[in-house]
Amino acid sequence: THSTSSGIEGRSTTDQILERAHAPPGTWPPLALCPEGTTHTGHCLIRFATGAFRAGLPVQPVCISMPFSPVHGYDPSFSCANIVTHVLGLMTQPMNHLHVTHLAVYVPNAAEKADARLYANNVRCRMAEELGVGMYELTWTDKLQFEISEKARELGRKKLAERHGGVVPPLPVFTQDPFGNPLLESKKDK
């Protein structure tokens, strides 16, 4: 047997999701999953993991956003901050908002049932449309490169090298801030 991220010997998180998905109704309470596998500023959706979609069953997408004001200057999304800094930042703002939108249940078609990646991408497209944000083909391992902890950054480099045949790809270049404002001056603007 082997240990997995779920902490249960010999069983992956996906195996546990599939077990719950195929159990008789009422056996388990509803299962809430965060398919991005991380938090970020919310200006985009990153690639979804496929575990929640492999069963090929309907899902109810829920869009959660924590908008922040440039006036208050603190991003409540817990992106690349340690817990103490995060809690202090939340406590220094007069209020924090959480927006939750339940979308209609998404029923996969035959092609999506056969291809969990297609299913995950189509649900992500629907959620991005609802949130009015773009999509990046980044994952939580890409985000690790920006973490405060050297240990987390090293894990990110290791995972990225594994994914890309032993070579760590260059850091992504973002062209907009969380509010959609351009970050880099284009060549035609010069």
N, C-alpha and C. Protein backbone atom coordinates (compact mmCIF):
# COMPACT_ATOMS: atom_id res chain seq x y z
N THR A 1 0.83 -1.20 0.00
CA THR A 1 0.00 0.00 0.00
C THR A 1 0.87 1.25 0.00
N HIS A 2 0.26 2.35 -0.32
CA HIS A 2 0.98 3.62 -0.31
C HIS A 2 0.13 4.69 0.35
N SER A 3 0.79 5.70 0.87
CA SER A 3 0.07 6.80 1.48
C SER A 3 -0.27 7.81 0.40
N THR A 4 -1.42 8.43 0.50
CA THR A 4 -1.86 9.38 -0.50
C THR A 4 -2.14 10.72 0.16
N SER A 5 -2.47 11.70 -0.67
CA SER A 5 -2.78 13.02 -0.14
C SER A 5 -4.00 13.00 0.75
N SER A 6 -4.84 11.99 0.59
CA SER A 6 -6.04 11.90 1.43
C SER A 6 -5.72 11.36 2.81
N GLY A 7 -4.50 10.82 3.01
CA GLY A 7 -4.11 10.32 4.31
C GLY A 7 -4.58 8.90 4.59
N ILE A 8 -5.27 8.28 3.67
CA ILE A 8 -5.75 6.91 3.86
C ILE A 8 -4.85 5.99 3.06
N GLU A 9 -4.31 4.99 3.71
CA GLU A 9 -3.37 4.07 3.07
C GLU A 9 -3.96 3.42 1.82
N GLY A 10 -3.21 3.52 0.70
CA GLY A 10 -3.54 2.78 -0.51
C GLY A 10 -4.70 3.28 -1.34
N ARG A 11 -5.32 4.39 -0.96
CA ARG A 11 -6.47 4.89 -1.72
C ARG A 11 -6.26 6.35 -2.10
N SER A 12 -6.40 6.62 -3.36
CA SER A 12 -6.24 8.00 -3.81
C SER A 12 -7.51 8.80 -3.51
N THR A 13 -7.38 10.10 -3.57
CA THR A 13 -8.54 10.96 -3.38
C THR A 13 -9.59 10.67 -4.45
N THR A 14 -9.14 10.47 -5.69
CA THR A 14 -10.08 10.16 -6.77
C THR A 14 -10.83 8.86 -6.49
N ASP A 15 -10.15 7.84 -5.96
CA ASP A 15 -10.82 6.59 -5.62
C ASP A 15 -11.93 6.83 -4.60
N GLN A 16 -11.65 7.68 -3.63
CA GLN A 16 -12.65 7.96 -2.60
C GLN A 16 -13.83 8.75 -3.17
N ILE A 17 -13.55 9.68 -4.08
CA ILE A 17 -14.62 10.43 -4.74
C ILE A 17 -15.52 9.48 -5.54
N LEU A 18 -14.90 8.58 -6.30
CA LEU A 18 -15.67 7.63 -7.11
C LEU A 18 -16.50 6.68 -6.22
N GLU A 19 -15.93 6.27 -5.09
CA GLU A 19 -16.68 5.41 -4.16
C GLU A 19 -17.93 6.13 -3.68
N ARG A 20 -17.78 7.38 -3.29
CA ARG A 20 -18.95 8.15 -2.82
C ARG A 20 -19.95 8.38 -3.95
N ALA A 21 -19.45 8.67 -5.14
CA ALA A 21 -20.34 8.96 -6.28
C ALA A 21 -21.20 7.76 -6.65
N HIS A 22 -20.66 6.56 -6.50
CA HIS A 22 -21.39 5.36 -6.90
C HIS A 22 -22.10 4.66 -5.75
N ALA A 23 -22.04 5.24 -4.55
CA ALA A 23 -22.73 4.65 -3.39
C ALA A 23 -24.23 4.92 -3.51
N PRO A 24 -25.05 4.07 -2.89
CA PRO A 24 -26.50 4.30 -2.91
C PRO A 24 -26.85 5.67 -2.32
N PRO A 25 -27.89 6.32 -2.83
CA PRO A 25 -28.30 7.63 -2.29
C PRO A 25 -28.51 7.56 -0.78
N GLY A 26 -28.05 8.60 -0.10
CA GLY A 26 -28.20 8.67 1.35
C GLY A 26 -27.05 8.05 2.13
N THR A 27 -26.15 7.33 1.44
CA THR A 27 -25.01 6.71 2.11
C THR A 27 -24.04 7.78 2.62
N TRP A 28 -23.80 8.78 1.80
CA TRP A 28 -22.87 9.85 2.13
C TRP A 28 -23.60 11.19 2.02
N PRO A 29 -23.17 12.19 2.78
CA PRO A 29 -23.72 13.53 2.57
C PRO A 29 -23.19 14.10 1.25
N PRO A 30 -23.77 15.17 0.75
CA PRO A 30 -23.26 15.77 -0.48
C PRO A 30 -21.77 16.09 -0.34
N LEU A 31 -21.06 15.98 -1.43
CA LEU A 31 -19.62 16.18 -1.44
C LEU A 31 -19.30 17.51 -2.13
N ALA A 32 -18.61 18.39 -1.42
CA ALA A 32 -18.18 19.66 -1.99
C ALA A 32 -16.69 19.59 -2.29
N LEU A 33 -16.32 19.90 -3.52
CA LEU A 33 -14.91 19.85 -3.94
C LEU A 33 -14.51 21.17 -4.56
N CYS A 34 -13.25 21.51 -4.41
CA CYS A 34 -12.69 22.70 -5.05
C CYS A 34 -11.77 22.23 -6.16
N PRO A 35 -12.26 22.20 -7.40
CA PRO A 35 -11.51 21.56 -8.47
C PRO A 35 -10.21 22.26 -8.87
N GLU A 36 -10.02 23.53 -8.47
CA GLU A 36 -8.75 24.18 -8.77
C GLU A 36 -7.66 23.68 -7.81
N GLY A 37 -8.05 23.25 -6.63
CA GLY A 37 -7.09 22.71 -5.67
C GLY A 37 -6.26 23.75 -4.95
N THR A 38 -6.63 25.03 -5.05
CA THR A 38 -5.88 26.08 -4.38
C THR A 38 -6.74 27.34 -4.33
N THR A 39 -6.22 28.35 -3.67
CA THR A 39 -6.87 29.66 -3.67
C THR A 39 -6.01 30.62 -4.50
N HIS A 40 -6.64 31.67 -4.99
CA HIS A 40 -5.92 32.72 -5.71
C HIS A 40 -6.78 33.97 -5.74
N THR A 41 -6.36 34.99 -6.42
CA THR A 41 -7.04 36.28 -6.39
C THR A 41 -8.41 36.29 -7.07
N GLY A 42 -8.72 35.27 -7.85
CA GLY A 42 -10.02 35.19 -8.48
C GLY A 42 -10.16 35.94 -9.79
N HIS A 43 -9.07 36.46 -10.33
CA HIS A 43 -9.18 37.19 -11.60
C HIS A 43 -9.23 36.24 -12.80
N CYS A 44 -9.13 34.93 -12.53
CA CYS A 44 -9.21 33.93 -13.58
C CYS A 44 -9.59 32.60 -12.94
N LEU A 45 -9.85 31.61 -13.76
CA LEU A 45 -9.98 30.24 -13.27
C LEU A 45 -8.80 29.46 -13.84
N ILE A 46 -8.14 28.70 -12.97
CA ILE A 46 -7.04 27.86 -13.44
C ILE A 46 -7.60 26.48 -13.76
N ARG A 47 -6.76 25.62 -14.31
CA ARG A 47 -7.23 24.30 -14.77
C ARG A 47 -7.81 23.50 -13.61
N PHE A 48 -8.95 22.87 -13.87
CA PHE A 48 -9.60 22.02 -12.88
C PHE A 48 -8.97 20.63 -12.87
N ALA A 49 -8.82 20.06 -11.68
CA ALA A 49 -8.46 18.65 -11.57
C ALA A 49 -9.68 17.84 -12.01
N THR A 50 -9.46 16.62 -12.45
CA THR A 50 -10.56 15.84 -13.04
C THR A 50 -11.25 14.88 -12.07
N GLY A 51 -10.75 14.75 -10.85
CA GLY A 51 -11.31 13.78 -9.91
C GLY A 51 -12.82 13.87 -9.73
N ALA A 52 -13.33 15.07 -9.59
CA ALA A 52 -14.77 15.27 -9.38
C ALA A 52 -15.59 14.94 -10.62
N PHE A 53 -14.95 14.86 -11.77
CA PHE A 53 -15.67 14.68 -13.03
C PHE A 53 -15.54 13.26 -13.60
N ARG A 54 -14.68 12.45 -13.02
CA ARG A 54 -14.44 11.10 -13.56
C ARG A 54 -15.62 10.16 -13.43
N ALA A 55 -16.48 10.41 -12.48
CA ALA A 55 -17.66 9.54 -12.33
C ALA A 55 -18.66 9.77 -13.46
N GLY A 56 -18.56 10.91 -14.15
CA GLY A 56 -19.48 11.19 -15.25
C GLY A 56 -20.89 11.50 -14.79
N LEU A 57 -21.03 11.91 -13.53
CA LEU A 57 -22.35 12.23 -12.99
C LEU A 57 -22.58 13.73 -12.98
N PRO A 58 -23.83 14.17 -12.90
CA PRO A 58 -24.10 15.62 -12.85
C PRO A 58 -23.43 16.27 -11.64
N VAL A 59 -23.05 17.53 -11.81
CA VAL A 59 -22.47 18.32 -10.72
C VAL A 59 -23.21 19.65 -10.63
N GLN A 60 -23.20 20.25 -9.44
CA GLN A 60 -23.75 21.58 -9.31
C GLN A 60 -22.60 22.55 -9.08
N PRO A 61 -22.24 23.32 -10.10
CA PRO A 61 -21.17 24.30 -9.93
C PRO A 61 -21.59 25.40 -8.97
N VAL A 62 -20.67 25.79 -8.10
CA VAL A 62 -20.89 26.89 -7.17
C VAL A 62 -19.71 27.85 -7.33
N CYS A 63 -20.01 29.08 -7.70
CA CYS A 63 -18.97 30.09 -7.87
C CYS A 63 -18.83 30.88 -6.58
N ILE A 64 -17.62 30.91 -6.04
CA ILE A 64 -17.35 31.64 -4.81
C ILE A 64 -16.27 32.67 -5.11
N SER A 65 -16.54 33.90 -4.76
CA SER A 65 -15.53 34.94 -4.95
C SER A 65 -15.47 35.82 -3.71
N MET A 66 -14.28 36.32 -3.46
CA MET A 66 -14.04 37.22 -2.34
C MET A 66 -13.46 38.51 -2.90
N PRO A 67 -14.32 39.40 -3.41
CA PRO A 67 -13.80 40.61 -4.02
C PRO A 67 -13.10 41.48 -2.98
N PHE A 68 -12.08 42.17 -3.44
CA PHE A 68 -11.40 43.10 -2.54
C PHE A 68 -11.33 44.46 -3.18
N SER A 69 -11.22 45.44 -2.34
CA SER A 69 -11.21 46.82 -2.79
C SER A 69 -9.79 47.35 -2.83
N PRO A 70 -9.42 48.02 -3.93
CA PRO A 70 -8.08 48.62 -3.94
C PRO A 70 -7.95 49.73 -2.90
N VAL A 71 -9.09 50.25 -2.40
CA VAL A 71 -9.07 51.27 -1.37
C VAL A 71 -8.55 50.69 -0.06
N HIS A 72 -9.07 49.50 0.31
CA HIS A 72 -8.63 48.87 1.56
C HIS A 72 -7.28 48.19 1.39
N GLY A 73 -6.97 47.74 0.18
CA GLY A 73 -5.65 47.24 -0.14
C GLY A 73 -5.30 45.85 0.36
N TYR A 74 -6.25 45.07 0.85
CA TYR A 74 -5.91 43.72 1.29
C TYR A 74 -6.72 42.71 0.49
N ASP A 75 -6.04 41.74 -0.05
CA ASP A 75 -6.67 40.67 -0.83
C ASP A 75 -7.02 39.52 0.11
N PRO A 76 -8.31 39.25 0.34
CA PRO A 76 -8.71 38.22 1.29
C PRO A 76 -8.63 36.80 0.76
N SER A 77 -8.09 36.57 -0.41
CA SER A 77 -8.14 35.25 -1.03
C SER A 77 -7.11 34.27 -0.49
N PHE A 78 -6.26 34.67 0.44
CA PHE A 78 -5.23 33.81 1.02
C PHE A 78 -4.27 33.31 -0.05
N SER A 79 -3.86 34.22 -0.91
CA SER A 79 -2.90 33.88 -1.96
C SER A 79 -1.50 34.23 -1.50
N CYS A 80 -0.65 33.21 -1.40
CA CYS A 80 0.77 33.41 -1.09
C CYS A 80 1.01 34.23 0.16
N ALA A 81 0.32 33.94 1.22
CA ALA A 81 0.54 34.62 2.50
C ALA A 81 0.55 33.58 3.61
N ASN A 82 1.25 33.90 4.69
CA ASN A 82 1.20 32.97 5.82
C ASN A 82 -0.07 33.24 6.62
N ILE A 83 -0.45 32.34 7.46
CA ILE A 83 -1.74 32.42 8.16
C ILE A 83 -1.83 33.63 9.08
N VAL A 84 -0.75 33.99 9.76
CA VAL A 84 -0.78 35.14 10.67
C VAL A 84 -1.02 36.42 9.88
N THR A 85 -0.28 36.61 8.80
CA THR A 85 -0.47 37.80 7.96
C THR A 85 -1.88 37.83 7.40
N HIS A 86 -2.39 36.68 7.01
CA HIS A 86 -3.74 36.62 6.44
C HIS A 86 -4.79 37.03 7.46
N VAL A 87 -4.75 36.47 8.66
CA VAL A 87 -5.74 36.79 9.69
C VAL A 87 -5.64 38.26 10.08
N LEU A 88 -4.43 38.78 10.25
CA LEU A 88 -4.27 40.20 10.58
C LEU A 88 -4.83 41.09 9.47
N GLY A 89 -4.57 40.73 8.22
CA GLY A 89 -5.10 41.49 7.10
C GLY A 89 -6.62 41.51 7.09
N LEU A 90 -7.23 40.36 7.34
CA LEU A 90 -8.70 40.30 7.39
C LEU A 90 -9.26 41.16 8.52
N MET A 91 -8.56 41.14 9.65
CA MET A 91 -9.05 41.89 10.82
C MET A 91 -8.88 43.40 10.66
N THR A 92 -8.02 43.86 9.78
CA THR A 92 -7.81 45.30 9.61
C THR A 92 -8.77 45.93 8.61
N GLN A 93 -9.56 45.13 7.94
CA GLN A 93 -10.54 45.67 6.99
C GLN A 93 -11.88 45.85 7.70
N PRO A 94 -12.60 46.91 7.37
CA PRO A 94 -13.89 47.12 8.04
C PRO A 94 -14.91 46.03 7.71
N MET A 95 -14.80 45.45 6.53
CA MET A 95 -15.69 44.34 6.18
C MET A 95 -15.06 43.52 5.07
N ASN A 96 -15.44 42.26 5.01
CA ASN A 96 -15.00 41.36 3.95
C ASN A 96 -16.24 40.75 3.33
N HIS A 97 -16.25 40.66 2.02
CA HIS A 97 -17.41 40.14 1.31
C HIS A 97 -17.11 38.76 0.74
N LEU A 98 -18.12 37.93 0.72
CA LEU A 98 -18.05 36.62 0.09
C LEU A 98 -19.28 36.49 -0.79
N HIS A 99 -19.06 36.30 -2.08
CA HIS A 99 -20.18 36.14 -3.02
C HIS A 99 -20.26 34.67 -3.42
N VAL A 100 -21.45 34.09 -3.27
CA VAL A 100 -21.68 32.69 -3.61
C VAL A 100 -22.82 32.62 -4.61
N THR A 101 -22.56 31.99 -5.76
CA THR A 101 -23.58 31.83 -6.79
C THR A 101 -23.72 30.35 -7.13
N HIS A 102 -24.91 29.81 -6.94
CA HIS A 102 -25.18 28.42 -7.31
C HIS A 102 -25.68 28.41 -8.75
N LEU A 103 -24.96 27.73 -9.62
CA LEU A 103 -25.39 27.60 -11.01
C LEU A 103 -26.31 26.39 -11.15
N ALA A 104 -26.97 26.29 -12.28
CA ALA A 104 -27.83 25.13 -12.54
C ALA A 104 -26.98 23.86 -12.56
N VAL A 105 -27.59 22.77 -12.18
CA VAL A 105 -26.90 21.48 -12.23
C VAL A 105 -26.42 21.24 -13.65
N TYR A 106 -25.18 20.84 -13.79
CA TYR A 106 -24.58 20.58 -15.10
C TYR A 106 -24.63 19.08 -15.34
N VAL A 107 -25.36 18.68 -16.36
CA VAL A 107 -25.50 17.27 -16.71
C VAL A 107 -24.58 16.98 -17.90
N PRO A 108 -23.62 16.09 -17.73
CA PRO A 108 -22.67 15.83 -18.81
C PRO A 108 -23.31 15.09 -19.98
N ASN A 109 -22.84 15.41 -21.19
CA ASN A 109 -23.29 14.67 -22.36
C ASN A 109 -22.41 13.41 -22.50
N ALA A 110 -22.64 12.61 -23.52
CA ALA A 110 -21.91 11.35 -23.69
C ALA A 110 -20.40 11.58 -23.85
N ALA A 111 -20.02 12.61 -24.60
CA ALA A 111 -18.60 12.89 -24.81
C ALA A 111 -17.93 13.28 -23.49
N GLU A 112 -18.63 14.08 -22.69
CA GLU A 112 -18.07 14.51 -21.40
C GLU A 112 -17.98 13.34 -20.42
N LYS A 113 -18.96 12.43 -20.46
CA LYS A 113 -18.90 11.25 -19.59
C LYS A 113 -17.69 10.38 -19.92
N ALA A 114 -17.31 10.36 -21.19
CA ALA A 114 -16.18 9.54 -21.64
C ALA A 114 -14.84 10.24 -21.45
N ASP A 115 -14.84 11.55 -21.24
CA ASP A 115 -13.60 12.32 -21.14
C ASP A 115 -13.70 13.32 -19.99
N ALA A 116 -13.13 12.95 -18.84
CA ALA A 116 -13.21 13.79 -17.64
C ALA A 116 -12.57 15.15 -17.86
N ARG A 117 -11.51 15.23 -18.66
CA ARG A 117 -10.85 16.52 -18.93
C ARG A 117 -11.81 17.45 -19.69
N LEU A 118 -12.49 16.92 -20.70
CA LEU A 118 -13.47 17.70 -21.46
C LEU A 118 -14.58 18.19 -20.53
N TYR A 119 -15.09 17.30 -19.70
CA TYR A 119 -16.16 17.62 -18.75
C TYR A 119 -15.70 18.74 -17.82
N ALA A 120 -14.53 18.59 -17.22
CA ALA A 120 -13.99 19.59 -16.29
C ALA A 120 -13.83 20.94 -17.00
N ASN A 121 -13.29 20.93 -18.22
CA ASN A 121 -13.08 22.18 -18.96
C ASN A 121 -14.40 22.86 -19.30
N ASN A 122 -15.42 22.08 -19.66
CA ASN A 122 -16.71 22.68 -20.01
C ASN A 122 -17.40 23.28 -18.79
N VAL A 123 -17.28 22.63 -17.63
CA VAL A 123 -17.83 23.20 -16.40
C VAL A 123 -17.06 24.47 -16.05
N ARG A 124 -15.75 24.43 -16.20
CA ARG A 124 -14.92 25.61 -15.92
C ARG A 124 -15.31 26.77 -16.84
N CYS A 125 -15.57 26.49 -18.12
CA CYS A 125 -16.00 27.54 -19.06
C CYS A 125 -17.30 28.18 -18.59
N ARG A 126 -18.23 27.35 -18.15
CA ARG A 126 -19.52 27.87 -17.68
C ARG A 126 -19.34 28.76 -16.44
N MET A 127 -18.46 28.33 -15.53
CA MET A 127 -18.21 29.11 -14.31
C MET A 127 -17.47 30.42 -14.64
N ALA A 128 -16.50 30.36 -15.55
CA ALA A 128 -15.77 31.57 -15.95
C ALA A 128 -16.71 32.58 -16.59
N GLU A 129 -17.63 32.08 -17.40
CA GLU A 129 -18.63 32.94 -18.03
C GLU A 129 -19.47 33.64 -16.96
N GLU A 130 -19.91 32.89 -15.97
CA GLU A 130 -20.73 33.45 -14.88
C GLU A 130 -19.95 34.49 -14.09
N LEU A 131 -18.68 34.21 -13.81
CA LEU A 131 -17.85 35.12 -13.02
C LEU A 131 -17.31 36.29 -13.84
N GLY A 132 -17.35 36.16 -15.17
CA GLY A 132 -16.81 37.20 -16.03
C GLY A 132 -15.29 37.28 -15.98
N VAL A 133 -14.65 36.10 -15.90
CA VAL A 133 -13.18 36.04 -15.81
C VAL A 133 -12.63 35.16 -16.92
N GLY A 134 -11.33 35.27 -17.14
CA GLY A 134 -10.65 34.43 -18.12
C GLY A 134 -10.20 33.12 -17.51
N MET A 135 -9.57 32.30 -18.33
CA MET A 135 -9.06 31.01 -17.87
C MET A 135 -7.60 30.89 -18.26
N TYR A 136 -6.81 30.32 -17.34
CA TYR A 136 -5.40 30.03 -17.61
C TYR A 136 -5.18 28.54 -17.44
N GLU A 137 -4.30 27.98 -18.26
CA GLU A 137 -3.96 26.56 -18.14
C GLU A 137 -2.85 26.36 -17.11
N LEU A 138 -3.05 26.93 -15.94
CA LEU A 138 -2.13 26.77 -14.83
C LEU A 138 -2.76 25.86 -13.80
N THR A 139 -1.93 25.27 -12.92
CA THR A 139 -2.43 24.41 -11.85
C THR A 139 -1.85 24.90 -10.53
N TRP A 140 -2.21 24.23 -9.45
CA TRP A 140 -1.69 24.62 -8.13
C TRP A 140 -0.17 24.49 -8.09
N THR A 141 0.41 23.58 -8.87
CA THR A 141 1.87 23.46 -8.86
C THR A 141 2.53 24.70 -9.47
N ASP A 142 1.88 25.32 -10.44
CA ASP A 142 2.40 26.57 -11.00
C ASP A 142 2.39 27.67 -9.94
N LYS A 143 1.35 27.70 -9.12
CA LYS A 143 1.23 28.71 -8.08
C LYS A 143 2.30 28.57 -7.01
N LEU A 144 2.75 27.36 -6.76
CA LEU A 144 3.74 27.14 -5.70
C LEU A 144 5.01 27.96 -5.92
N GLN A 145 5.32 28.29 -7.16
CA GLN A 145 6.51 29.09 -7.45
C GLN A 145 6.45 30.48 -6.83
N PHE A 146 5.25 30.92 -6.45
CA PHE A 146 5.08 32.27 -5.92
C PHE A 146 4.86 32.29 -4.40
N GLU A 147 4.90 31.14 -3.77
CA GLU A 147 4.67 31.06 -2.32
C GLU A 147 5.81 31.69 -1.54
N ILE A 148 5.52 32.08 -0.31
CA ILE A 148 6.52 32.69 0.56
C ILE A 148 7.56 31.66 1.00
N SER A 149 7.11 30.47 1.32
CA SER A 149 7.99 29.43 1.85
C SER A 149 8.90 28.86 0.77
N GLU A 150 10.19 28.78 1.07
CA GLU A 150 11.15 28.17 0.14
C GLU A 150 10.79 26.70 -0.07
N LYS A 151 10.30 26.03 0.97
CA LYS A 151 9.91 24.62 0.86
C LYS A 151 8.79 24.46 -0.17
N ALA A 152 7.79 25.35 -0.14
CA ALA A 152 6.69 25.29 -1.11
C ALA A 152 7.20 25.60 -2.52
N ARG A 153 8.08 26.59 -2.64
CA ARG A 153 8.63 26.92 -3.97
C ARG A 153 9.43 25.75 -4.53
N GLU A 154 10.20 25.08 -3.67
CA GLU A 154 10.98 23.93 -4.12
C GLU A 154 10.07 22.79 -4.56
N LEU A 155 8.98 22.54 -3.80
CA LEU A 155 8.01 21.52 -4.20
C LEU A 155 7.42 21.86 -5.56
N GLY A 156 7.10 23.14 -5.77
CA GLY A 156 6.56 23.57 -7.06
C GLY A 156 7.53 23.32 -8.20
N ARG A 157 8.80 23.66 -7.99
CA ARG A 157 9.81 23.42 -9.03
C ARG A 157 9.93 21.92 -9.33
N LYS A 158 9.91 21.10 -8.27
CA LYS A 158 10.03 19.65 -8.44
C LYS A 158 8.84 19.10 -9.23
N LYS A 159 7.62 19.50 -8.86
CA LYS A 159 6.41 19.01 -9.54
C LYS A 159 6.38 19.47 -11.01
N LEU A 160 6.76 20.72 -11.25
CA LEU A 160 6.78 21.22 -12.62
C LEU A 160 7.82 20.50 -13.46
N ALA A 161 8.98 20.23 -12.88
CA ALA A 161 10.02 19.50 -13.61
C ALA A 161 9.53 18.09 -13.95
N GLU A 162 8.84 17.43 -13.02
CA GLU A 162 8.27 16.10 -13.29
C GLU A 162 7.29 16.17 -14.44
N ARG A 163 6.45 17.20 -14.44
CA ARG A 163 5.42 17.33 -15.48
C ARG A 163 6.02 17.66 -16.84
N HIS A 164 7.17 18.35 -16.86
CA HIS A 164 7.75 18.83 -18.12
C HIS A 164 9.07 18.13 -18.46
N GLY A 165 9.17 16.85 -18.13
CA GLY A 165 10.33 16.06 -18.54
C GLY A 165 11.66 16.50 -17.95
N GLY A 166 11.65 16.93 -16.70
CA GLY A 166 12.89 17.30 -16.02
C GLY A 166 13.29 18.75 -16.17
N VAL A 167 12.52 19.54 -16.90
CA VAL A 167 12.85 20.95 -17.12
C VAL A 167 11.77 21.82 -16.50
N VAL A 168 12.18 22.77 -15.67
CA VAL A 168 11.22 23.71 -15.10
C VAL A 168 10.94 24.79 -16.13
N PRO A 169 9.67 24.96 -16.53
CA PRO A 169 9.37 25.98 -17.54
C PRO A 169 9.52 27.38 -16.96
N PRO A 170 9.64 28.39 -17.81
CA PRO A 170 9.73 29.77 -17.30
C PRO A 170 8.44 30.18 -16.61
N LEU A 171 8.55 31.15 -15.72
CA LEU A 171 7.36 31.65 -15.02
C LEU A 171 6.37 32.24 -16.02
N PRO A 172 5.07 32.08 -15.77
CA PRO A 172 4.09 32.68 -16.67
C PRO A 172 4.15 34.20 -16.60
N VAL A 173 3.77 34.85 -17.67
CA VAL A 173 3.72 36.30 -17.73
C VAL A 173 2.25 36.71 -17.73
N PHE A 174 1.85 37.45 -16.71
CA PHE A 174 0.48 37.92 -16.62
C PHE A 174 0.40 39.33 -17.19
N THR A 175 -0.63 39.60 -17.95
CA THR A 175 -0.77 40.89 -18.61
C THR A 175 -1.81 41.80 -17.96
N GLN A 176 -2.56 41.26 -16.97
CA GLN A 176 -3.58 42.05 -16.28
C GLN A 176 -3.49 41.84 -14.78
N ASP A 177 -3.87 42.88 -14.03
CA ASP A 177 -3.96 42.74 -12.58
C ASP A 177 -5.33 42.13 -12.25
N PRO A 178 -5.63 41.89 -10.96
CA PRO A 178 -6.92 41.27 -10.61
C PRO A 178 -8.15 42.07 -11.04
N PHE A 179 -7.96 43.36 -11.37
CA PHE A 179 -9.10 44.18 -11.79
C PHE A 179 -9.21 44.28 -13.30
N GLY A 180 -8.33 43.58 -14.05
CA GLY A 180 -8.36 43.61 -15.50
C GLY A 180 -7.56 44.74 -16.12
N ASN A 181 -6.81 45.47 -15.30
CA ASN A 181 -5.99 46.57 -15.81
C ASN A 181 -4.70 46.01 -16.40
N PRO A 182 -4.22 46.59 -17.51
CA PRO A 182 -2.98 46.10 -18.11
C PRO A 182 -1.79 46.27 -17.17
N LEU A 183 -0.92 45.26 -17.12
CA LEU A 183 0.28 45.33 -16.30
C LEU A 183 1.49 45.77 -17.12
N LEU A 184 1.53 45.35 -18.37
CA LEU A 184 2.68 45.64 -19.22
C LEU A 184 2.27 46.54 -20.36
N GLU A 185 3.14 47.47 -20.67
CA GLU A 185 2.88 48.35 -21.80
C GLU A 185 3.12 47.57 -23.09
N SER A 186 2.18 47.60 -24.00
CA SER A 186 2.37 46.87 -25.25
C SER A 186 3.32 47.63 -26.16
N LYS A 187 3.93 46.93 -27.12
CA LYS A 187 4.88 47.55 -28.04
C LYS A 187 4.21 48.63 -28.89
N LYS A 188 2.95 48.44 -29.24
CA LYS A 188 2.28 49.43 -30.08
C LYS A 188 1.95 50.71 -29.31
N ASP A 189 1.92 50.65 -27.93
CA ASP A 189 1.66 51.83 -27.12
C ASP A 189 2.91 52.72 -26.99
N LYS A 190 4.07 52.16 -27.32
CA LYS A 190 5.33 52.91 -27.14
C LYS A 190 5.55 53.89 -28.26
